[in-house]
Amino acid sequence: MTSFEQRRQDFGEKLRRFRDEAGLTGRELASALGWPHSKISKLENGKQTAEDQDVIDWMNVLDASESSARQLLDELAELRVSKAAWRAQLRAGHKARQLQSFDSEHAATRIRNVEFGVVPGLLQTADYARAVFRTQAELLQVPDDDAEASIRVRMQRQQVLYQGKQIEIIVSEHALRHPVAPTDAMLGQLDRLISAIDVPGLRFGVLPAFRRLPNITMNGFIILDDLVQVEHVSAELTIEDPDQISIYHRLMDRLWPVAAEGDEARATLQHIADIYRNQAKG
């Protein structure tokens, strides 16, 4: 059981205790709320994450105090923001984490991704991904002996680009000007991004350097339907709170008007590629 699953189970136990103290059975509470009994069972047993309105309705029916309801809502907000340490996730290697992304991306109907320090995984070349995996493994002091298997899974993840989903990807020019791989790999990566401009159904953009952004953006993120994942140096945040998710959607919406798309994006990428070529010659 993960720490998130344990915390959700503990939260469900608190809901059950409030119901018991009110003297209601699960079926009686379900009837009062107009819910199927299975929902009561899933919430109390930590098999389902409650929504804010679920908690409000639950506590209202039980005639619980406003302070008790507020405390539960605060705990629910904390529950939805779950931390998973990268080092713990990657102790068994990168492949398992890539398979997890494969499953979540292929299950999603809409994907929105912006990155400021690295090329998004769905558009990385194998050589670029290899450099990313190895530098991350070195920093976190975790094994990298499954790097090649991880790269294969990352490349398989990219099949999602051609499955008719709603996919939007933005990358900052700064991520491309800071090489994480040798020059040849960076040039190959830039060619890959240029080709992404013409992928049907994919909206791809580049945030040009020195262009004023609408908001301060601390980290890249990916939105997969009804959750957001935010990568930090040593941990990943998974956000399920609808109010917080709406903020990320709003930020993505605000970034598109300042992003270069189409021919402008192509010109920006080609210019960066020319810089790498000139550096190689020098």
C-alpha atoms as a PDB file:
ATOM      1  CA  MET A   1       0.000   0.000   0.000  1.00  0.00           C
ATOM      2  CA  THR A   2       1.356   3.423  -0.939  1.00  0.00           C
ATOM      3  CA  SER A   3       1.444   6.312   1.541  1.00  0.00           C
ATOM      4  CA  PHE A   4      -1.353   8.005  -0.425  1.00  0.00           C
ATOM      5  CA  GLU A   5      -3.534   4.897  -0.223  1.00  0.00           C
ATOM      6  CA  GLN A   6      -2.899   4.687   3.532  1.00  0.00           C
ATOM      7  CA  ARG A   7      -3.832   8.341   4.025  1.00  0.00           C
ATOM      8  CA  ARG A   8      -7.001   7.882   1.973  1.00  0.00           C
ATOM      9  CA  GLN A   9      -7.886   4.828   4.055  1.00  0.00           C
ATOM     10  CA  ASP A  10      -7.347   6.836   7.248  1.00  0.00           C
ATOM     11  CA  PHE A  11      -9.589   9.575   5.886  1.00  0.00           C
ATOM     12  CA  GLY A  12     -12.301   7.019   5.118  1.00  0.00           C
ATOM     13  CA  GLU A  13     -12.047   5.726   8.678  1.00  0.00           C
ATOM     14  CA  LYS A  14     -12.746   9.243   9.963  1.00  0.00           C
ATOM     15  CA  LEU A  15     -15.850   9.433   7.792  1.00  0.00           C
ATOM     16  CA  ARG A  16     -17.017   6.096   9.195  1.00  0.00           C
ATOM     17  CA  ARG A  17     -16.485   7.241  12.787  1.00  0.00           C
ATOM     18  CA  PHE A  18     -18.632  10.325  12.219  1.00  0.00           C
ATOM     19  CA  ARG A  19     -21.366   8.079  10.799  1.00  0.00           C
ATOM     20  CA  ASP A  20     -21.134   5.655  13.735  1.00  0.00           C
ATOM     21  CA  GLU A  21     -21.304   8.503  16.250  1.00  0.00           C
ATOM     22  CA  ALA A  22     -24.482   9.734  14.539  1.00  0.00           C
ATOM     23  CA  GLY A  23     -26.012   6.267  14.961  1.00  0.00           C
ATOM     24  CA  LEU A  24     -26.591   5.601  11.251  1.00  0.00           C
ATOM     25  CA  THR A  25     -25.800   2.485   9.278  1.00  0.00           C
ATOM     26  CA  GLY A  26     -24.114   2.760   5.925  1.00  0.00           C
ATOM     27  CA  ARG A  27     -27.355   1.969   4.122  1.00  0.00           C
ATOM     28  CA  GLU A  28     -29.269   4.568   6.134  1.00  0.00           C
ATOM     29  CA  LEU A  29     -26.697   7.229   5.294  1.00  0.00           C
ATOM     30  CA  ALA A  30     -26.760   6.238   1.635  1.00  0.00           C
ATOM     31  CA  SER A  31     -30.527   6.551   1.580  1.00  0.00           C
ATOM     32  CA  ALA A  32     -30.420   9.971   3.246  1.00  0.00           C
ATOM     33  CA  LEU A  33     -27.847  11.204   0.725  1.00  0.00           C
ATOM     34  CA  GLY A  34     -29.477   9.578  -2.291  1.00  0.00           C
ATOM     35  CA  TRP A  35     -26.254   7.682  -3.028  1.00  0.00           C
ATOM     36  CA  PRO A  36     -25.718   4.017  -3.851  1.00  0.00           C
ATOM     37  CA  HIS A  37     -24.521   2.101  -0.805  1.00  0.00           C
ATOM     38  CA  SER A  38     -21.409   1.115  -2.733  1.00  0.00           C
ATOM     39  CA  LYS A  39     -20.230   4.735  -2.683  1.00  0.00           C
ATOM     40  CA  ILE A  40     -20.434   4.838   1.115  1.00  0.00           C
ATOM     41  CA  SER A  41     -18.422   1.621   1.275  1.00  0.00           C
ATOM     42  CA  LYS A  42     -15.750   2.847  -1.142  1.00  0.00           C
ATOM     43  CA  LEU A  43     -15.288   6.145   0.682  1.00  0.00           C
ATOM     44  CA  GLU A  44     -15.110   4.558   4.127  1.00  0.00           C
ATOM     45  CA  ASN A  45     -12.710   1.846   3.002  1.00  0.00           C
ATOM     46  CA  GLY A  46     -10.389   4.219   1.195  1.00  0.00           C
ATOM     47  CA  LYS A  47     -11.156   2.859  -2.270  1.00  0.00           C
ATOM     48  CA  GLN A  48     -12.349   6.212  -3.619  1.00  0.00           C
ATOM     49  CA  THR A  49     -11.235   9.805  -3.029  1.00  0.00           C
ATOM     50  CA  ALA A  50     -14.061  12.014  -1.795  1.00  0.00           C
ATOM     51  CA  GLU A  51     -15.005  15.296  -3.441  1.00  0.00           C
ATOM     52  CA  ASP A  52     -15.528  18.440  -1.368  1.00  0.00           C
ATOM     53  CA  GLN A  53     -19.283  18.265  -1.924  1.00  0.00           C
ATOM     54  CA  ASP A  54     -19.312  14.629  -0.765  1.00  0.00           C
ATOM     55  CA  VAL A  55     -17.844  15.670   2.574  1.00  0.00           C
ATOM     56  CA  ILE A  56     -20.161  18.664   2.911  1.00  0.00           C
ATOM     57  CA  ASP A  57     -23.257  16.546   2.219  1.00  0.00           C
ATOM     58  CA  TRP A  58     -22.014  13.749   4.490  1.00  0.00           C
ATOM     59  CA  MET A  59     -21.451  16.064   7.441  1.00  0.00           C
ATOM     60  CA  ASN A  60     -24.699  17.986   6.880  1.00  0.00           C
ATOM     61  CA  VAL A  61     -26.786  14.816   6.992  1.00  0.00           C
ATOM     62  CA  LEU A  62     -25.001  13.801  10.207  1.00  0.00           C
ATOM     63  CA  ASP A  63     -25.641  17.286  11.655  1.00  0.00           C
ATOM     64  CA  ALA A  64     -21.927  17.553  12.456  1.00  0.00           C
ATOM     65  CA  SER A  65     -20.384  20.795  13.637  1.00  0.00           C
ATOM     66  CA  GLU A  66     -19.073  23.310  11.136  1.00  0.00           C
ATOM     67  CA  SER A  67     -15.585  23.070  12.651  1.00  0.00           C
ATOM     68  CA  SER A  68     -15.544  19.273  12.184  1.00  0.00           C
ATOM     69  CA  ALA A  69     -16.629  19.648   8.568  1.00  0.00           C
ATOM     70  CA  ARG A  70     -13.967  22.298   7.944  1.00  0.00           C
ATOM     71  CA  GLN A  71     -11.267  20.101   9.451  1.00  0.00           C
ATOM     72  CA  LEU A  72     -12.242  17.232   7.176  1.00  0.00           C
ATOM     73  CA  LEU A  73     -12.222  19.505   4.124  1.00  0.00           C
ATOM     74  CA  ASP A  74      -8.743  20.732   5.030  1.00  0.00           C
ATOM     75  CA  GLU A  75      -7.529  17.152   5.386  1.00  0.00           C
ATOM     76  CA  LEU A  76      -9.123  16.280   2.061  1.00  0.00           C
ATOM     77  CA  ALA A  77      -7.262  19.125   0.346  1.00  0.00           C
ATOM     78  CA  GLU A  78      -3.985  17.819   1.777  1.00  0.00           C
ATOM     79  CA  LEU A  79      -4.879  14.286   0.726  1.00  0.00           C
ATOM     80  CA  ARG A  80      -5.343  15.318  -2.876  1.00  0.00           C
ATOM     81  CA  VAL A  81      -1.845  16.734  -3.036  1.00  0.00           C
ATOM     82  CA  SER A  82       0.227  13.596  -2.599  1.00  0.00           C
ATOM     83  CA  LYS A  83       4.011  13.534  -2.693  1.00  0.00           C
ATOM     84  CA  ALA A  84       5.979  10.667  -4.090  1.00  0.00           C
ATOM     85  CA  ALA A  85       9.752  10.858  -3.656  1.00  0.00           C
ATOM     86  CA  TRP A  86      11.562  10.273  -6.925  1.00  0.00           C
ATOM     87  CA  ARG A  87      14.317   8.381  -5.194  1.00  0.00           C
ATOM     88  CA  ALA A  88      11.831   5.911  -3.740  1.00  0.00           C
ATOM     89  CA  GLN A  89      10.064   5.542  -7.083  1.00  0.00           C
ATOM     90  CA  LEU A  90      13.276   5.014  -9.002  1.00  0.00           C
ATOM     91  CA  ARG A  91      15.067   2.586  -6.695  1.00  0.00           C
ATOM     92  CA  ALA A  92      13.814  -0.228  -8.899  1.00  0.00           C
ATOM     93  CA  GLY A  93      14.890   1.684 -12.005  1.00  0.00           C
ATOM     94  CA  HIS A  94      13.254   4.058 -14.457  1.00  0.00           C
ATOM     95  CA  LYS A  95      11.317   1.435 -16.434  1.00  0.00           C
ATOM     96  CA  ALA A  96       8.553   0.970 -13.854  1.00  0.00           C
ATOM     97  CA  ARG A  97       7.957   4.726 -13.722  1.00  0.00           C
ATOM     98  CA  GLN A  98       7.825   4.893 -17.520  1.00  0.00           C
ATOM     99  CA  LEU A  99       5.280   2.068 -17.605  1.00  0.00           C
ATOM    100  CA  GLN A 100       3.156   4.008 -15.126  1.00  0.00           C
ATOM    101  CA  SER A 101       3.237   7.038 -17.434  1.00  0.00           C
ATOM    102  CA  PHE A 102       2.429   4.783 -20.399  1.00  0.00           C
ATOM    103  CA  ASP A 103      -0.722   3.553 -18.673  1.00  0.00           C
ATOM    104  CA  SER A 104      -1.913   6.959 -17.465  1.00  0.00           C
ATOM    105  CA  GLU A 105      -1.296   8.714 -20.803  1.00  0.00           C
ATOM    106  CA  HIS A 106      -3.018   6.018 -22.839  1.00  0.00           C
ATOM    107  CA  ALA A 107      -6.002   6.064 -20.468  1.00  0.00           C
ATOM    108  CA  ALA A 108      -6.347   9.850 -20.688  1.00  0.00           C
ATOM    109  CA  THR A 109      -8.579  11.519 -23.273  1.00  0.00           C
ATOM    110  CA  ARG A 110      -6.874  14.905 -22.956  1.00  0.00           C
ATOM    111  CA  ILE A 111      -3.221  15.691 -22.249  1.00  0.00           C
ATOM    112  CA  ARG A 112      -1.817  19.185 -21.664  1.00  0.00           C
ATOM    113  CA  ASN A 113       1.903  19.515 -20.980  1.00  0.00           C
ATOM    114  CA  VAL A 114       4.308  22.430 -20.548  1.00  0.00           C
ATOM    115  CA  GLU A 115       8.001  22.188 -19.661  1.00  0.00           C
ATOM    116  CA  PHE A 116      10.517  24.928 -18.912  1.00  0.00           C
ATOM    117  CA  GLY A 117      13.702  22.977 -18.241  1.00  0.00           C
ATOM    118  CA  VAL A 118      13.495  19.823 -20.327  1.00  0.00           C
ATOM    119  CA  VAL A 119      11.956  18.551 -23.550  1.00  0.00           C
ATOM    120  CA  PRO A 120       8.607  16.880 -22.720  1.00  0.00           C
ATOM    121  CA  GLY A 121       8.891  13.104 -22.577  1.00  0.00           C
ATOM    122  CA  LEU A 122       6.301  12.571 -25.325  1.00  0.00           C
ATOM    123  CA  LEU A 123       8.615  14.384 -27.762  1.00  0.00           C
ATOM    124  CA  GLN A 124      12.047  13.208 -26.610  1.00  0.00           C
ATOM    125  CA  THR A 125      14.381  11.295 -28.902  1.00  0.00           C
ATOM    126  CA  ALA A 126      16.091   8.170 -27.615  1.00  0.00           C
ATOM    127  CA  ASP A 127      19.491   9.893 -27.354  1.00  0.00           C
ATOM    128  CA  TYR A 128      18.049  12.845 -25.456  1.00  0.00           C
ATOM    129  CA  ALA A 129      16.081  10.531 -23.124  1.00  0.00           C
ATOM    130  CA  ARG A 130      19.237   8.503 -22.456  1.00  0.00           C
ATOM    131  CA  ALA A 131      21.051  11.627 -21.267  1.00  0.00           C
ATOM    132  CA  VAL A 132      18.103  12.643 -19.076  1.00  0.00           C
ATOM    133  CA  PHE A 133      17.828   9.224 -17.421  1.00  0.00           C
ATOM    134  CA  ARG A 134      21.537   8.996 -16.715  1.00  0.00           C
ATOM    135  CA  THR A 135      21.941  12.477 -15.251  1.00  0.00           C
ATOM    136  CA  GLN A 136      18.854  12.004 -13.071  1.00  0.00           C
ATOM    137  CA  ALA A 137      20.052   8.611 -11.839  1.00  0.00           C
ATOM    138  CA  GLU A 138      23.437  10.110 -10.958  1.00  0.00           C
ATOM    139  CA  LEU A 139      21.878  12.994  -9.024  1.00  0.00           C
ATOM    140  CA  LEU A 140      19.435  10.805  -7.090  1.00  0.00           C
ATOM    141  CA  GLN A 141      21.976   8.003  -6.668  1.00  0.00           C
ATOM    142  CA  VAL A 142      19.682   5.328  -8.048  1.00  0.00           C
ATOM    143  CA  PRO A 143      20.471   2.543 -10.539  1.00  0.00           C
ATOM    144  CA  ASP A 144      20.510   3.319 -14.257  1.00  0.00           C
ATOM    145  CA  ASP A 145      21.144  -0.220 -15.475  1.00  0.00           C
ATOM    146  CA  ASP A 146      17.643  -0.360 -16.993  1.00  0.00           C
ATOM    147  CA  ALA A 147      18.148   2.845 -18.981  1.00  0.00           C
ATOM    148  CA  GLU A 148      17.795   1.175 -22.375  1.00  0.00           C
ATOM    149  CA  ALA A 149      14.598  -0.619 -21.353  1.00  0.00           C
ATOM    150  CA  SER A 150      13.271   2.662 -19.977  1.00  0.00           C
ATOM    151  CA  ILE A 151      14.049   4.424 -23.248  1.00  0.00           C
ATOM    152  CA  ARG A 152      12.121   1.789 -25.191  1.00  0.00           C
ATOM    153  CA  VAL A 153       9.073   2.345 -22.982  1.00  0.00           C
ATOM    154  CA  ARG A 154       9.390   6.121 -23.339  1.00  0.00           C
ATOM    155  CA  MET A 155       9.438   5.726 -27.111  1.00  0.00           C
ATOM    156  CA  GLN A 156       6.375   3.459 -26.902  1.00  0.00           C
ATOM    157  CA  ARG A 157       4.625   6.160 -24.845  1.00  0.00           C
ATOM    158  CA  GLN A 158       4.811   8.415 -27.877  1.00  0.00           C
ATOM    159  CA  GLN A 159       2.294   6.253 -29.735  1.00  0.00           C
ATOM    160  CA  VAL A 160      -0.329   8.249 -27.849  1.00  0.00           C
ATOM    161  CA  LEU A 161       0.425  11.201 -30.160  1.00  0.00           C
ATOM    162  CA  TYR A 162      -1.194   9.336 -33.031  1.00  0.00           C
ATOM    163  CA  GLN A 163      -4.335   8.007 -31.332  1.00  0.00           C
ATOM    164  CA  GLY A 164      -6.657  10.943 -31.932  1.00  0.00           C
ATOM    165  CA  LYS A 165      -6.477  12.338 -28.400  1.00  0.00           C
ATOM    166  CA  GLN A 166      -6.523  16.033 -27.494  1.00  0.00           C
ATOM    167  CA  ILE A 167      -2.850  16.767 -26.858  1.00  0.00           C
ATOM    168  CA  GLU A 168      -1.182  20.136 -26.274  1.00  0.00           C
ATOM    169  CA  ILE A 169       2.542  20.501 -25.621  1.00  0.00           C
ATOM    170  CA  ILE A 170       4.553  23.655 -24.950  1.00  0.00           C
ATOM    171  CA  VAL A 171       8.309  23.762 -24.370  1.00  0.00           C
ATOM    172  CA  SER A 172      10.377  26.773 -23.369  1.00  0.00           C
ATOM    173  CA  GLU A 173      13.208  27.897 -25.620  1.00  0.00           C
ATOM    174  CA  HIS A 174      15.412  27.947 -22.518  1.00  0.00           C
ATOM    175  CA  ALA A 175      15.028  24.172 -22.190  1.00  0.00           C
ATOM    176  CA  LEU A 176      16.488  23.819 -25.688  1.00  0.00           C
ATOM    177  CA  ARG A 177      19.365  26.248 -25.249  1.00  0.00           C
ATOM    178  CA  HIS A 178      20.696  24.415 -22.177  1.00  0.00           C
ATOM    179  CA  PRO A 179      22.085  21.161 -23.615  1.00  0.00           C
ATOM    180  CA  VAL A 180      21.528  18.084 -21.500  1.00  0.00           C
ATOM    181  CA  ALA A 181      23.067  15.910 -24.202  1.00  0.00           C
ATOM    182  CA  PRO A 182      25.915  16.128 -26.747  1.00  0.00           C
ATOM    183  CA  THR A 183      25.512  18.431 -29.747  1.00  0.00           C
ATOM    184  CA  ASP A 184      24.503  15.659 -32.155  1.00  0.00           C
ATOM    185  CA  ALA A 185      21.787  14.541 -29.747  1.00  0.00           C
ATOM    186  CA  MET A 186      20.532  18.104 -29.328  1.00  0.00           C
ATOM    187  CA  LEU A 187      20.371  18.568 -33.102  1.00  0.00           C
ATOM    188  CA  GLY A 188      18.441  15.322 -33.438  1.00  0.00           C
ATOM    189  CA  GLN A 189      16.094  16.476 -30.693  1.00  0.00           C
ATOM    190  CA  LEU A 190      15.469  19.795 -32.435  1.00  0.00           C
ATOM    191  CA  ASP A 191      14.682  17.958 -35.679  1.00  0.00           C
ATOM    192  CA  ARG A 192      12.173  15.860 -33.742  1.00  0.00           C
ATOM    193  CA  LEU A 193      10.477  18.983 -32.407  1.00  0.00           C
ATOM    194  CA  ILE A 194      10.344  20.540 -35.865  1.00  0.00           C
ATOM    195  CA  SER A 195       8.587  17.420 -37.162  1.00  0.00           C
ATOM    196  CA  ALA A 196       6.126  17.615 -34.243  1.00  0.00           C
ATOM    197  CA  ILE A 197       4.761  20.862 -35.678  1.00  0.00           C
ATOM    198  CA  ASP A 198       3.114  18.875 -38.468  1.00  0.00           C
ATOM    199  CA  VAL A 199       1.735  15.979 -36.396  1.00  0.00           C
ATOM    200  CA  PRO A 200      -2.056  15.932 -37.012  1.00  0.00           C
ATOM    201  CA  GLY A 201      -4.071  16.630 -33.890  1.00  0.00           C
ATOM    202  CA  LEU A 202      -1.068  17.747 -31.844  1.00  0.00           C
ATOM    203  CA  ARG A 203      -0.905  21.389 -30.804  1.00  0.00           C
ATOM    204  CA  PHE A 204       2.759  22.178 -30.271  1.00  0.00           C
ATOM    205  CA  GLY A 205       4.324  25.479 -29.273  1.00  0.00           C
ATOM    206  CA  VAL A 206       7.614  27.024 -28.175  1.00  0.00           C
ATOM    207  CA  LEU A 207       7.884  29.817 -25.607  1.00  0.00           C
ATOM    208  CA  PRO A 208      10.457  32.171 -27.183  1.00  0.00           C
ATOM    209  CA  ALA A 209      13.181  33.655 -25.014  1.00  0.00           C
ATOM    210  CA  PHE A 210      12.685  37.245 -23.826  1.00  0.00           C
ATOM    211  CA  ARG A 211       8.948  37.092 -24.450  1.00  0.00           C
ATOM    212  CA  ARG A 212       6.989  38.268 -21.442  1.00  0.00           C
ATOM    213  CA  LEU A 213       5.004  35.484 -19.793  1.00  0.00           C
ATOM    214  CA  PRO A 214       1.522  36.107 -18.370  1.00  0.00           C
ATOM    215  CA  ASN A 215       2.352  34.493 -15.019  1.00  0.00           C
ATOM    216  CA  ILE A 216       5.324  33.387 -12.978  1.00  0.00           C
ATOM    217  CA  THR A 217       5.816  29.709 -13.783  1.00  0.00           C
ATOM    218  CA  MET A 218       7.925  27.794 -11.284  1.00  0.00           C
ATOM    219  CA  ASN A 219       7.685  24.272 -12.700  1.00  0.00           C
ATOM    220  CA  GLY A 220       6.517  22.377 -15.719  1.00  0.00           C
ATOM    221  CA  PHE A 221       3.454  20.168 -15.404  1.00  0.00           C
ATOM    222  CA  ILE A 222       1.249  17.693 -17.226  1.00  0.00           C
ATOM    223  CA  ILE A 223      -2.544  17.557 -16.995  1.00  0.00           C
ATOM    224  CA  LEU A 224      -4.075  14.120 -17.586  1.00  0.00           C
ATOM    225  CA  ASP A 225      -7.855  14.576 -17.616  1.00  0.00           C
ATOM    226  CA  ASP A 226      -8.693  15.129 -13.933  1.00  0.00           C
ATOM    227  CA  LEU A 227      -5.234  15.123 -12.339  1.00  0.00           C
ATOM    228  CA  VAL A 228      -2.039  17.149 -12.554  1.00  0.00           C
ATOM    229  CA  GLN A 229       1.520  15.910 -12.124  1.00  0.00           C
ATOM    230  CA  VAL A 230       4.289  18.371 -11.252  1.00  0.00           C
ATOM    231  CA  GLU A 231       7.913  17.221 -11.216  1.00  0.00           C
ATOM    232  CA  HIS A 232      10.407  18.700  -8.765  1.00  0.00           C
ATOM    233  CA  VAL A 233      14.080  17.790  -8.390  1.00  0.00           C
ATOM    234  CA  SER A 234      13.493  15.118  -5.758  1.00  0.00           C
ATOM    235  CA  ALA A 235       9.740  14.542  -5.764  1.00  0.00           C
ATOM    236  CA  GLU A 236       6.616  14.497  -7.890  1.00  0.00           C
ATOM    237  CA  LEU A 237       3.328  16.105  -6.876  1.00  0.00           C
ATOM    238  CA  THR A 238       0.067  14.495  -7.929  1.00  0.00           C
ATOM    239  CA  ILE A 239      -2.826  16.935  -7.626  1.00  0.00           C
ATOM    240  CA  GLU A 240      -6.444  15.785  -7.733  1.00  0.00           C
ATOM    241  CA  ASP A 241      -8.223  18.792  -6.213  1.00  0.00           C
ATOM    242  CA  PRO A 242     -10.571  20.228  -8.902  1.00  0.00           C
ATOM    243  CA  ASP A 243     -10.006  23.831  -7.817  1.00  0.00           C
ATOM    244  CA  GLN A 244      -6.234  23.457  -8.106  1.00  0.00           C
ATOM    245  CA  ILE A 245      -6.503  21.630 -11.419  1.00  0.00           C
ATOM    246  CA  SER A 246      -8.524  24.524 -12.824  1.00  0.00           C
ATOM    247  CA  ILE A 247      -5.606  26.837 -12.006  1.00  0.00           C
ATOM    248  CA  TYR A 248      -3.255  24.726 -14.137  1.00  0.00           C
ATOM    249  CA  HIS A 249      -5.748  24.730 -17.010  1.00  0.00           C
ATOM    250  CA  ARG A 250      -6.020  28.496 -16.702  1.00  0.00           C
ATOM    251  CA  LEU A 251      -2.231  28.871 -16.754  1.00  0.00           C
ATOM    252  CA  MET A 252      -1.962  26.672 -19.843  1.00  0.00           C
ATOM    253  CA  ASP A 253      -4.635  28.772 -21.553  1.00  0.00           C
ATOM    254  CA  ARG A 254      -2.671  31.927 -20.777  1.00  0.00           C
ATOM    255  CA  LEU A 255       0.593  30.529 -22.128  1.00  0.00           C
ATOM    256  CA  TRP A 256      -0.759  29.722 -25.586  1.00  0.00           C
ATOM    257  CA  PRO A 257      -1.166  33.353 -26.763  1.00  0.00           C
ATOM    258  CA  VAL A 258       2.547  33.997 -26.142  1.00  0.00           C
ATOM    259  CA  ALA A 259       3.785  30.679 -27.557  1.00  0.00           C
ATOM    260  CA  ALA A 260       5.207  30.431 -31.069  1.00  0.00           C
ATOM    261  CA  GLU A 261       3.352  27.925 -33.240  1.00  0.00           C
ATOM    262  CA  GLY A 262       3.573  26.779 -36.854  1.00  0.00           C
ATOM    263  CA  ASP A 263       6.114  28.628 -38.976  1.00  0.00           C
ATOM    264  CA  GLU A 264       7.179  30.868 -36.086  1.00  0.00           C
ATOM    265  CA  ALA A 265       7.957  27.836 -33.939  1.00  0.00           C
ATOM    266  CA  ARG A 266       9.794  26.209 -36.845  1.00  0.00           C
ATOM    267  CA  ALA A 267      11.949  29.318 -37.335  1.00  0.00           C
ATOM    268  CA  THR A 268      12.757  29.456 -33.614  1.00  0.00           C
ATOM    269  CA  LEU A 269      13.820  25.809 -33.549  1.00  0.00           C
ATOM    270  CA  GLN A 270      15.897  26.132 -36.715  1.00  0.00           C
ATOM    271  CA  HIS A 271      17.654  29.178 -35.262  1.00  0.00           C
ATOM    272  CA  ILE A 272      18.592  27.214 -32.125  1.00  0.00           C
ATOM    273  CA  ALA A 273      19.821  24.340 -34.301  1.00  0.00           C
ATOM    274  CA  ASP A 274      22.041  26.769 -36.263  1.00  0.00           C
ATOM    275  CA  ILE A 275      23.587  27.927 -32.980  1.00  0.00           C
ATOM    276  CA  TYR A 276      24.494  24.341 -32.070  1.00  0.00           C
ATOM    277  CA  ARG A 277      25.959  23.734 -35.528  1.00  0.00           C
ATOM    278  CA  ASN A 278      28.086  26.876 -35.324  1.00  0.00           C
ATOM    279  CA  GLN A 279      29.319  25.903 -31.885  1.00  0.00           C
ATOM    280  CA  ALA A 280      30.300  22.469 -33.211  1.00  0.00           C
ATOM    281  CA  LYS A 281      32.298  24.090 -36.017  1.00  0.00           C
ATOM    282  CA  GLY A 282      34.071  26.433 -33.644  1.00  0.00           C
END
